[in-house]
Amino acid sequence: MTQAIHFYVLAGLVGVVQGVSQSTARSLFSNLMPAGRTGEYFGFVNITGKFSSIFGPFVFGYVGQITGSTRWGILSLIFFFVAGIAVLLTVKVQKGLQDATRADQEEERNRSVGATGKSSDVRFT
């Protein structure tokens, strides 16, 4: 990359790929969580997003300063993509969907049983 246009093209491509992967990840993640606990799970996602907005630029800047080249700074960010892919490869989607469904059913059962342990028609929403 020797001209500004190269960085603009790279930024555009990264934006497209990142947008698609982020929306797909959020969709999958929302399917893997119990319906009654979405706030907790998305709260965790949001806080990790805050950390990534700190660590990404830090690593880019640090490697760029050490090597004297922004090219190495950009290449150093590949580590985060590789680490993310490695984590995603361990996700068992079918088991996660089953666990989320089971947790939803358990929560529904717990709501329908009153404090006495007997089934109740009273619903709390």
Foldseek 3Di string as FASTA:
>chain_A
DPDPVVVVVVVVVCVVVVVVVVVVVVVLQVLLAAPVCPVVVVVVVVVVVVVCVVVLVVQQVVQCVVVVHSVVSVVVCVVVVVVVVVVVVPDDSVVSNVVNVVVNVVVVVVQQQDPVRDGHPDGDD
